[in-house]
């Protein structure tokens, strides 16, 4: 069985707590996947969840986009990261794609107040092999800039910042 708790989450992945989770799925054969699926890569039944905030990851590769969609910061650095699931984990790599966080004016991470647009923050620099951690951001892009109604989607999520 699982070493992780099975949690019931609502549609936004937050469950009963106010703290958002970076949820991956754990399956009966011990594998973990992100994003979560109802059945594992080997056909195993889903038995629980894993909060990826509890794990560090390493940058596998990264790129910087200079031609971004409306409402997305420009330039926008994205990274594919691979989570370090521990020595006992024997499954396939757990990877995710996400933005690299920006520093706020005080050197912290932007996004906590929902306004990244006018702070002039610089993105953290990353390189292949760097250790990172997921951090929550209220807004990954500006809700009113696209063609969809802002209320029709979620704008929050997780970014990655280097571990110092």
C-alpha atoms as a PDB file:
ATOM      1  CA  UNK A   1       0.000   0.000   0.000  1.00  0.00           C
ATOM      2  CA  UNK A   2       0.985   3.663  -0.091  1.00  0.00           C
ATOM      3  CA  UNK A   3       3.328   5.520   2.219  1.00  0.00           C
ATOM      4  CA  UNK A   4       1.350   8.662   1.402  1.00  0.00           C
ATOM      5  CA  UNK A   5      -2.067   9.682   2.617  1.00  0.00           C
ATOM      6  CA  UNK A   6      -5.014   9.330   0.310  1.00  0.00           C
ATOM      7  CA  UNK A   7      -6.755  12.673   0.082  1.00  0.00           C
ATOM      8  CA  UNK A   8     -10.048  13.749  -1.361  1.00  0.00           C
ATOM      9  CA  UNK A   9      -9.712  16.942  -3.332  1.00  0.00           C
ATOM     10  CA  UNK A  10     -12.236  19.107  -5.060  1.00  0.00           C
ATOM     11  CA  UNK A  11     -11.975  20.266  -8.663  1.00  0.00           C
ATOM     12  CA  UNK A  12      -9.244  22.803  -7.926  1.00  0.00           C
ATOM     13  CA  UNK A  13      -6.988  20.289  -6.151  1.00  0.00           C
ATOM     14  CA  UNK A  14      -7.128  22.131  -2.854  1.00  0.00           C
ATOM     15  CA  UNK A  15      -9.240  19.754  -0.761  1.00  0.00           C
ATOM     16  CA  UNK A  16     -10.268  21.014   2.650  1.00  0.00           C
ATOM     17  CA  UNK A  17      -7.180  23.111   3.356  1.00  0.00           C
ATOM     18  CA  UNK A  18      -6.564  26.665   2.214  1.00  0.00           C
ATOM     19  CA  UNK A  19      -3.032  25.716   1.157  1.00  0.00           C
ATOM     20  CA  UNK A  20      -2.913  24.610  -2.511  1.00  0.00           C
ATOM     21  CA  UNK A  21      -1.293  21.277  -3.289  1.00  0.00           C
ATOM     22  CA  UNK A  22       0.862  20.326  -6.242  1.00  0.00           C
ATOM     23  CA  UNK A  23      -0.883  16.996  -6.643  1.00  0.00           C
ATOM     24  CA  UNK A  24       0.526  13.908  -8.332  1.00  0.00           C
ATOM     25  CA  UNK A  25      -1.119  10.475  -8.316  1.00  0.00           C
ATOM     26  CA  UNK A  26       0.266   7.359  -6.659  1.00  0.00           C
ATOM     27  CA  UNK A  27      -0.706   3.908  -7.926  1.00  0.00           C
ATOM     28  CA  UNK A  28      -0.908   0.409  -6.427  1.00  0.00           C
ATOM     29  CA  UNK A  29       2.388  -0.613  -8.073  1.00  0.00           C
ATOM     30  CA  UNK A  30       4.224   2.304  -6.399  1.00  0.00           C
ATOM     31  CA  UNK A  31       4.526   4.533  -9.452  1.00  0.00           C
ATOM     32  CA  UNK A  32       3.768   8.247  -9.280  1.00  0.00           C
ATOM     33  CA  UNK A  33       2.622  10.426 -12.185  1.00  0.00           C
ATOM     34  CA  UNK A  34       2.094  14.089 -12.813  1.00  0.00           C
ATOM     35  CA  UNK A  35      -0.363  15.140 -13.965  1.00  0.00           C
ATOM     36  CA  UNK A  36      -2.544  12.660 -12.084  1.00  0.00           C
ATOM     37  CA  UNK A  37      -4.537  10.038 -13.993  1.00  0.00           C
ATOM     38  CA  UNK A  38      -7.104   7.483 -12.836  1.00  0.00           C
ATOM     39  CA  UNK A  39      -4.967   4.560 -14.047  1.00  0.00           C
ATOM     40  CA  UNK A  40      -1.166   4.339 -13.856  1.00  0.00           C
ATOM     41  CA  UNK A  41       1.231   3.831 -16.769  1.00  0.00           C
ATOM     42  CA  UNK A  42       1.305   0.068 -16.133  1.00  0.00           C
ATOM     43  CA  UNK A  43      -2.470  -0.226 -15.659  1.00  0.00           C
ATOM     44  CA  UNK A  44      -2.327  -0.042 -11.851  1.00  0.00           C
ATOM     45  CA  UNK A  45      -5.198   1.442  -9.854  1.00  0.00           C
ATOM     46  CA  UNK A  46      -4.790   4.882  -8.315  1.00  0.00           C
ATOM     47  CA  UNK A  47      -4.466   4.561  -4.532  1.00  0.00           C
ATOM     48  CA  UNK A  48      -3.509   8.024  -3.337  1.00  0.00           C
ATOM     49  CA  UNK A  49      -1.911  11.360  -3.963  1.00  0.00           C
ATOM     50  CA  UNK A  50       1.520  12.854  -3.453  1.00  0.00           C
ATOM     51  CA  UNK A  51       2.081  16.571  -2.833  1.00  0.00           C
ATOM     52  CA  UNK A  52       5.071  17.483  -4.991  1.00  0.00           C
ATOM     53  CA  UNK A  53       5.726  20.568  -2.820  1.00  0.00           C
ATOM     54  CA  UNK A  54       7.406  18.129  -0.432  1.00  0.00           C
ATOM     55  CA  UNK A  55      10.083  17.235  -3.010  1.00  0.00           C
ATOM     56  CA  UNK A  56      12.934  19.024  -4.679  1.00  0.00           C
ATOM     57  CA  UNK A  57      13.477  18.630  -8.386  1.00  0.00           C
ATOM     58  CA  UNK A  58      16.258  19.208 -10.886  1.00  0.00           C
ATOM     59  CA  UNK A  59      16.045  21.143 -14.138  1.00  0.00           C
ATOM     60  CA  UNK A  60      16.145  18.717 -17.087  1.00  0.00           C
ATOM     61  CA  UNK A  61      15.987  21.463 -19.716  1.00  0.00           C
ATOM     62  CA  UNK A  62      14.714  25.014 -20.052  1.00  0.00           C
ATOM     63  CA  UNK A  63      13.898  27.636 -22.654  1.00  0.00           C
ATOM     64  CA  UNK A  64      12.941  31.293 -22.757  1.00  0.00           C
ATOM     65  CA  UNK A  65      10.022  32.412 -24.896  1.00  0.00           C
ATOM     66  CA  UNK A  66      10.184  35.977 -26.163  1.00  0.00           C
ATOM     67  CA  UNK A  67       6.912  35.846 -28.118  1.00  0.00           C
ATOM     68  CA  UNK A  68       4.342  35.048 -25.457  1.00  0.00           C
ATOM     69  CA  UNK A  69       0.527  34.915 -25.558  1.00  0.00           C
ATOM     70  CA  UNK A  70      -1.466  37.908 -24.272  1.00  0.00           C
ATOM     71  CA  UNK A  71      -1.160  38.295 -20.508  1.00  0.00           C
ATOM     72  CA  UNK A  72       1.971  36.143 -20.156  1.00  0.00           C
ATOM     73  CA  UNK A  73       5.136  37.921 -19.062  1.00  0.00           C
ATOM     74  CA  UNK A  74       7.758  38.535 -21.716  1.00  0.00           C
ATOM     75  CA  UNK A  75      10.304  37.023 -21.707  1.00  0.00           C
ATOM     76  CA  UNK A  76       8.939  33.867 -20.074  1.00  0.00           C
ATOM     77  CA  UNK A  77      11.369  31.170 -18.950  1.00  0.00           C
ATOM     78  CA  UNK A  78       9.943  27.635 -18.775  1.00  0.00           C
ATOM     79  CA  UNK A  79      11.620  24.511 -17.429  1.00  0.00           C
ATOM     80  CA  UNK A  80      11.015  20.785 -17.498  1.00  0.00           C
ATOM     81  CA  UNK A  81      11.934  19.483 -14.066  1.00  0.00           C
ATOM     82  CA  UNK A  82      12.323  15.972 -12.662  1.00  0.00           C
ATOM     83  CA  UNK A  83      11.331  15.399  -9.041  1.00  0.00           C
ATOM     84  CA  UNK A  84      13.631  13.497  -6.700  1.00  0.00           C
ATOM     85  CA  UNK A  85      11.195  10.982  -5.212  1.00  0.00           C
ATOM     86  CA  UNK A  86      13.698   9.348  -2.867  1.00  0.00           C
ATOM     87  CA  UNK A  87      15.943   6.286  -2.868  1.00  0.00           C
ATOM     88  CA  UNK A  88      13.042   3.866  -2.352  1.00  0.00           C
ATOM     89  CA  UNK A  89      11.154   5.075  -5.439  1.00  0.00           C
ATOM     90  CA  UNK A  90      11.527   2.605  -8.322  1.00  0.00           C
ATOM     91  CA  UNK A  91       9.054   4.009 -10.856  1.00  0.00           C
ATOM     92  CA  UNK A  92       9.375   6.174 -13.951  1.00  0.00           C
ATOM     93  CA  UNK A  93      10.619   9.770 -13.582  1.00  0.00           C
ATOM     94  CA  UNK A  94       8.091  12.299 -12.282  1.00  0.00           C
ATOM     95  CA  UNK A  95       8.400  15.402 -14.461  1.00  0.00           C
ATOM     96  CA  UNK A  96       6.538  18.686 -14.818  1.00  0.00           C
ATOM     97  CA  UNK A  97       6.687  21.722 -17.082  1.00  0.00           C
ATOM     98  CA  UNK A  98       6.320  25.178 -15.574  1.00  0.00           C
ATOM     99  CA  UNK A  99       7.391  28.786 -15.392  1.00  0.00           C
ATOM    100  CA  UNK A 100      10.483  29.902 -13.540  1.00  0.00           C
ATOM    101  CA  UNK A 101       9.432  32.266 -10.749  1.00  0.00           C
ATOM    102  CA  UNK A 102      10.306  35.943 -10.687  1.00  0.00           C
ATOM    103  CA  UNK A 103      12.069  37.705  -7.856  1.00  0.00           C
ATOM    104  CA  UNK A 104      10.067  40.488  -6.281  1.00  0.00           C
ATOM    105  CA  UNK A 105      11.726  43.792  -5.397  1.00  0.00           C
ATOM    106  CA  UNK A 106      12.777  42.374  -2.002  1.00  0.00           C
ATOM    107  CA  UNK A 107      14.325  39.278  -3.621  1.00  0.00           C
ATOM    108  CA  UNK A 108      11.424  36.944  -2.851  1.00  0.00           C
ATOM    109  CA  UNK A 109       8.935  35.315  -5.210  1.00  0.00           C
ATOM    110  CA  UNK A 110       6.182  37.265  -6.947  1.00  0.00           C
ATOM    111  CA  UNK A 111       2.678  35.951  -7.351  1.00  0.00           C
ATOM    112  CA  UNK A 112       1.768  35.769  -3.690  1.00  0.00           C
ATOM    113  CA  UNK A 113      -0.248  38.979  -3.909  1.00  0.00           C
ATOM    114  CA  UNK A 114      -1.713  38.231  -7.334  1.00  0.00           C
ATOM    115  CA  UNK A 115       0.067  41.107  -9.071  1.00  0.00           C
ATOM    116  CA  UNK A 116       3.208  40.307 -11.020  1.00  0.00           C
ATOM    117  CA  UNK A 117       2.663  42.820 -13.804  1.00  0.00           C
ATOM    118  CA  UNK A 118       4.204  46.034 -12.517  1.00  0.00           C
ATOM    119  CA  UNK A 119       6.844  45.070  -9.989  1.00  0.00           C
ATOM    120  CA  UNK A 120       9.745  44.899 -12.407  1.00  0.00           C
ATOM    121  CA  UNK A 121      10.927  41.608 -10.951  1.00  0.00           C
ATOM    122  CA  UNK A 122      13.590  39.596 -12.723  1.00  0.00           C
ATOM    123  CA  UNK A 123      13.227  35.881 -13.269  1.00  0.00           C
ATOM    124  CA  UNK A 124      15.508  33.580 -11.352  1.00  0.00           C
ATOM    125  CA  UNK A 125      18.286  32.173 -13.519  1.00  0.00           C
ATOM    126  CA  UNK A 126      18.362  28.405 -13.972  1.00  0.00           C
ATOM    127  CA  UNK A 127      20.627  25.935 -15.683  1.00  0.00           C
ATOM    128  CA  UNK A 128      20.388  22.229 -16.447  1.00  0.00           C
ATOM    129  CA  UNK A 129      20.895  20.245 -13.250  1.00  0.00           C
ATOM    130  CA  UNK A 130      19.934  23.082 -10.882  1.00  0.00           C
ATOM    131  CA  UNK A 131      17.892  22.120  -7.831  1.00  0.00           C
ATOM    132  CA  UNK A 132      14.487  23.802  -7.708  1.00  0.00           C
ATOM    133  CA  UNK A 133      11.344  23.754  -5.599  1.00  0.00           C
ATOM    134  CA  UNK A 134       7.727  24.410  -6.567  1.00  0.00           C
ATOM    135  CA  UNK A 135       6.196  27.655  -5.281  1.00  0.00           C
ATOM    136  CA  UNK A 136       2.551  28.707  -5.489  1.00  0.00           C
ATOM    137  CA  UNK A 137       1.555  31.763  -7.554  1.00  0.00           C
ATOM    138  CA  UNK A 138      -1.887  33.389  -7.418  1.00  0.00           C
ATOM    139  CA  UNK A 139      -1.673  34.335 -11.097  1.00  0.00           C
ATOM    140  CA  UNK A 140       0.449  32.670 -13.759  1.00  0.00           C
ATOM    141  CA  UNK A 141      -0.815  35.174 -16.313  1.00  0.00           C
ATOM    142  CA  UNK A 142      -3.016  38.264 -16.409  1.00  0.00           C
ATOM    143  CA  UNK A 143      -6.663  37.088 -16.426  1.00  0.00           C
ATOM    144  CA  UNK A 144      -8.118  39.985 -18.435  1.00  0.00           C
ATOM    145  CA  UNK A 145      -5.615  39.912 -21.309  1.00  0.00           C
ATOM    146  CA  UNK A 146      -6.917  36.908 -23.252  1.00  0.00           C
ATOM    147  CA  UNK A 147     -10.061  36.300 -25.273  1.00  0.00           C
ATOM    148  CA  UNK A 148     -11.714  34.062 -22.665  1.00  0.00           C
ATOM    149  CA  UNK A 149     -13.787  35.346 -19.788  1.00  0.00           C
ATOM    150  CA  UNK A 150     -11.507  35.634 -16.725  1.00  0.00           C
ATOM    151  CA  UNK A 151     -14.013  33.735 -14.562  1.00  0.00           C
ATOM    152  CA  UNK A 152     -14.006  30.779 -16.971  1.00  0.00           C
ATOM    153  CA  UNK A 153     -10.588  29.446 -15.890  1.00  0.00           C
ATOM    154  CA  UNK A 154      -8.218  29.177 -12.980  1.00  0.00           C
ATOM    155  CA  UNK A 155      -5.216  31.492 -13.184  1.00  0.00           C
ATOM    156  CA  UNK A 156      -3.200  30.175 -10.249  1.00  0.00           C
ATOM    157  CA  UNK A 157      -0.663  27.377 -10.161  1.00  0.00           C
ATOM    158  CA  UNK A 158       2.914  26.490  -9.383  1.00  0.00           C
ATOM    159  CA  UNK A 159       6.168  27.952 -10.629  1.00  0.00           C
ATOM    160  CA  UNK A 160       9.702  26.812  -9.892  1.00  0.00           C
ATOM    161  CA  UNK A 161      12.469  28.660  -8.068  1.00  0.00           C
ATOM    162  CA  UNK A 162      16.059  27.626  -7.387  1.00  0.00           C
ATOM    163  CA  UNK A 163      16.912  26.135  -4.008  1.00  0.00           C
ATOM    164  CA  UNK A 164      19.695  28.136  -2.436  1.00  0.00           C
END
